[in-house]
Amino acid sequence: WVSNLPVAHRAWAKGLGACYWGDWSAPLGTGGIRHYQWGIGLRPNGTELLPFRYSPYTREGSARDLLLPPDHAALEFYCTVRATTAAGIGVTASSPPFRVCTAVTNA
């Protein structure tokens, strides 16, 4: 397996989250990447806050309905991505930990 970019997060705010990942190359003879799945958790490879969502060929996923725990400001979150080949072989990777900022700036 080869991933050109690590799993990462982007534009986090209460109720909105996005994860993205680079191109992954599957081992020869496995039929290439069939689909990706992504989720959000409180530990590497965790998906307890947002169970895996299907992402057929894109390398980004977003959730506008993400419900955060009441103590979310004190927690670290992880984006987790699973790539699966046409042969059914999969691999999972997670982002580094990050925090969610819900502060609102008034203009």
C-alpha atoms as a PDB file:
ATOM      1  CA  TRP A   1       0.000   0.000   0.000  1.00  0.00           C
ATOM      2  CA  VAL A   2       1.203   3.493  -0.809  1.00  0.00           C
ATOM      3  CA  SER A   3      -0.489   6.709   0.309  1.00  0.00           C
ATOM      4  CA  ASN A   4       0.785   9.947  -1.240  1.00  0.00           C
ATOM      5  CA  LEU A   5      -0.713  12.104   1.508  1.00  0.00           C
ATOM      6  CA  PRO A   6      -1.574  11.268   5.098  1.00  0.00           C
ATOM      7  CA  VAL A   7      -5.126  11.361   6.365  1.00  0.00           C
ATOM      8  CA  ALA A   8      -5.924  14.872   7.574  1.00  0.00           C
ATOM      9  CA  HIS A   9      -8.762  17.062   8.767  1.00  0.00           C
ATOM     10  CA  ARG A  10     -10.006  20.418   7.537  1.00  0.00           C
ATOM     11  CA  ALA A  11     -12.463  23.170   8.503  1.00  0.00           C
ATOM     12  CA  TRP A  12     -13.629  21.852  11.814  1.00  0.00           C
ATOM     13  CA  ALA A  13     -16.395  23.595  13.715  1.00  0.00           C
ATOM     14  CA  LYS A  14     -19.292  22.378  15.808  1.00  0.00           C
ATOM     15  CA  GLY A  15     -21.596  20.353  13.579  1.00  0.00           C
ATOM     16  CA  LEU A  16     -19.278  20.403  10.562  1.00  0.00           C
ATOM     17  CA  GLY A  17     -16.253  18.284   9.845  1.00  0.00           C
ATOM     18  CA  ALA A  18     -14.242  17.173   6.856  1.00  0.00           C
ATOM     19  CA  CYS A  19     -11.536  14.595   6.298  1.00  0.00           C
ATOM     20  CA  TYR A  20      -9.383  14.184   3.234  1.00  0.00           C
ATOM     21  CA  TRP A  21      -6.680  11.816   2.070  1.00  0.00           C
ATOM     22  CA  GLY A  22      -4.292  11.378  -0.823  1.00  0.00           C
ATOM     23  CA  ASP A  23      -4.236   8.808  -3.603  1.00  0.00           C
ATOM     24  CA  TRP A  24      -3.575   5.316  -2.353  1.00  0.00           C
ATOM     25  CA  SER A  25      -2.025   2.664  -4.567  1.00  0.00           C
ATOM     26  CA  ALA A  26      -3.109  -0.916  -3.963  1.00  0.00           C
ATOM     27  CA  PRO A  27      -0.809  -3.940  -4.271  1.00  0.00           C
ATOM     28  CA  LEU A  28      -0.526  -5.433  -7.767  1.00  0.00           C
ATOM     29  CA  GLY A  29      -3.046  -8.131  -8.571  1.00  0.00           C
ATOM     30  CA  THR A  30      -5.744  -6.797  -6.205  1.00  0.00           C
ATOM     31  CA  GLY A  31      -7.791  -4.941  -8.833  1.00  0.00           C
ATOM     32  CA  GLY A  32      -7.038  -1.415  -7.592  1.00  0.00           C
ATOM     33  CA  ILE A  33      -8.963   0.660  -5.075  1.00  0.00           C
ATOM     34  CA  ARG A  34     -12.691  -0.023  -5.287  1.00  0.00           C
ATOM     35  CA  HIS A  35     -13.830   2.447  -2.630  1.00  0.00           C
ATOM     36  CA  TYR A  36     -12.952   4.401   0.482  1.00  0.00           C
ATOM     37  CA  GLN A  37     -14.791   4.693   3.768  1.00  0.00           C
ATOM     38  CA  TRP A  38     -14.173   7.375   6.363  1.00  0.00           C
ATOM     39  CA  GLY A  39     -15.259   8.124   9.901  1.00  0.00           C
ATOM     40  CA  ILE A  40     -14.457  10.173  12.992  1.00  0.00           C
ATOM     41  CA  GLY A  41     -13.475   8.933  16.413  1.00  0.00           C
ATOM     42  CA  LEU A  42     -11.787   9.710  19.693  1.00  0.00           C
ATOM     43  CA  ARG A  43      -8.796   7.428  19.071  1.00  0.00           C
ATOM     44  CA  PRO A  44      -6.774   6.277  16.055  1.00  0.00           C
ATOM     45  CA  ASN A  45      -8.907   3.974  13.870  1.00  0.00           C
ATOM     46  CA  GLY A  46     -11.986   4.981  15.902  1.00  0.00           C
ATOM     47  CA  THR A  47     -15.358   5.732  14.348  1.00  0.00           C
ATOM     48  CA  GLU A  48     -17.555   6.024  17.438  1.00  0.00           C
ATOM     49  CA  LEU A  49     -18.617   9.637  16.699  1.00  0.00           C
ATOM     50  CA  LEU A  50     -19.231   9.142  12.995  1.00  0.00           C
ATOM     51  CA  PRO A  51     -19.425   5.520  11.782  1.00  0.00           C
ATOM     52  CA  PHE A  52     -17.767   4.747   8.470  1.00  0.00           C
ATOM     53  CA  ARG A  53     -19.357   6.513   5.509  1.00  0.00           C
ATOM     54  CA  TYR A  54     -18.957   5.261   1.962  1.00  0.00           C
ATOM     55  CA  SER A  55     -16.900   7.346  -0.452  1.00  0.00           C
ATOM     56  CA  PRO A  56     -16.678   5.531  -3.791  1.00  0.00           C
ATOM     57  CA  TYR A  57     -13.844   7.315  -5.610  1.00  0.00           C
ATOM     58  CA  THR A  58     -13.422  10.711  -3.979  1.00  0.00           C
ATOM     59  CA  ARG A  59     -10.693  11.430  -1.470  1.00  0.00           C
ATOM     60  CA  GLU A  60     -12.698  13.695   0.789  1.00  0.00           C
ATOM     61  CA  GLY A  61     -15.693  13.356   3.044  1.00  0.00           C
ATOM     62  CA  SER A  62     -17.669  15.880   5.041  1.00  0.00           C
ATOM     63  CA  ALA A  63     -20.362  15.725   7.691  1.00  0.00           C
ATOM     64  CA  ARG A  64     -22.662  18.643   8.416  1.00  0.00           C
ATOM     65  CA  ASP A  65     -24.648  16.757  11.048  1.00  0.00           C
ATOM     66  CA  LEU A  66     -21.810  15.749  13.364  1.00  0.00           C
ATOM     67  CA  LEU A  67     -22.928  15.668  16.997  1.00  0.00           C
ATOM     68  CA  LEU A  68     -20.087  16.365  19.386  1.00  0.00           C
ATOM     69  CA  PRO A  69     -19.992  15.315  23.036  1.00  0.00           C
ATOM     70  CA  PRO A  70     -20.638  18.126  25.558  1.00  0.00           C
ATOM     71  CA  ASP A  71     -16.983  18.091  26.656  1.00  0.00           C
ATOM     72  CA  HIS A  72     -15.640  18.266  23.066  1.00  0.00           C
ATOM     73  CA  ALA A  73     -13.295  21.199  23.781  1.00  0.00           C
ATOM     74  CA  ALA A  74     -11.179  18.941  26.013  1.00  0.00           C
ATOM     75  CA  LEU A  75     -11.084  16.023  23.563  1.00  0.00           C
ATOM     76  CA  GLU A  76      -8.866  15.036  20.668  1.00  0.00           C
ATOM     77  CA  PHE A  77     -10.450  13.678  17.486  1.00  0.00           C
ATOM     78  CA  TYR A  78      -9.187  11.518  14.608  1.00  0.00           C
ATOM     79  CA  CYS A  79     -10.267  11.087  10.986  1.00  0.00           C
ATOM     80  CA  THR A  80     -10.025   7.439   9.972  1.00  0.00           C
ATOM     81  CA  VAL A  81      -9.997   6.207   6.367  1.00  0.00           C
ATOM     82  CA  ARG A  82     -10.283   2.655   5.080  1.00  0.00           C
ATOM     83  CA  ALA A  83      -9.430   1.800   1.459  1.00  0.00           C
ATOM     84  CA  THR A  84     -10.714  -1.472  -0.021  1.00  0.00           C
ATOM     85  CA  THR A  85      -9.566  -3.116  -3.255  1.00  0.00           C
ATOM     86  CA  ALA A  86     -11.662  -4.962  -5.811  1.00  0.00           C
ATOM     87  CA  ALA A  87     -10.310  -8.171  -4.232  1.00  0.00           C
ATOM     88  CA  GLY A  88     -11.735  -7.140  -0.840  1.00  0.00           C
ATOM     89  CA  ILE A  89      -8.365  -6.371   0.756  1.00  0.00           C
ATOM     90  CA  GLY A  90      -8.428  -3.324   3.005  1.00  0.00           C
ATOM     91  CA  VAL A  91      -6.134  -1.028   4.921  1.00  0.00           C
ATOM     92  CA  THR A  92      -6.967   1.634   7.526  1.00  0.00           C
ATOM     93  CA  ALA A  93      -5.128   4.844   8.461  1.00  0.00           C
ATOM     94  CA  SER A  94      -5.874   7.740  10.815  1.00  0.00           C
ATOM     95  CA  SER A  95      -5.013  11.420  10.993  1.00  0.00           C
ATOM     96  CA  PRO A  96      -2.935  12.939  13.754  1.00  0.00           C
ATOM     97  CA  PRO A  97      -5.074  14.114  16.700  1.00  0.00           C
ATOM     98  CA  PHE A  98      -6.857  17.458  16.425  1.00  0.00           C
ATOM     99  CA  ARG A  99      -9.281  19.570  18.455  1.00  0.00           C
ATOM    100  CA  VAL A 100     -12.537  21.229  17.432  1.00  0.00           C
ATOM    101  CA  CYS A 101     -12.905  24.977  17.874  1.00  0.00           C
ATOM    102  CA  THR A 102     -16.431  26.294  18.379  1.00  0.00           C
ATOM    103  CA  ALA A 103     -15.574  29.897  19.187  1.00  0.00           C
ATOM    104  CA  VAL A 104     -17.584  32.456  17.211  1.00  0.00           C
ATOM    105  CA  THR A 105     -16.021  35.743  16.155  1.00  0.00           C
ATOM    106  CA  ASN A 106     -18.386  38.686  15.762  1.00  0.00           C
ATOM    107  CA  ALA A 107     -17.541  41.150  13.011  1.00  0.00           C
END
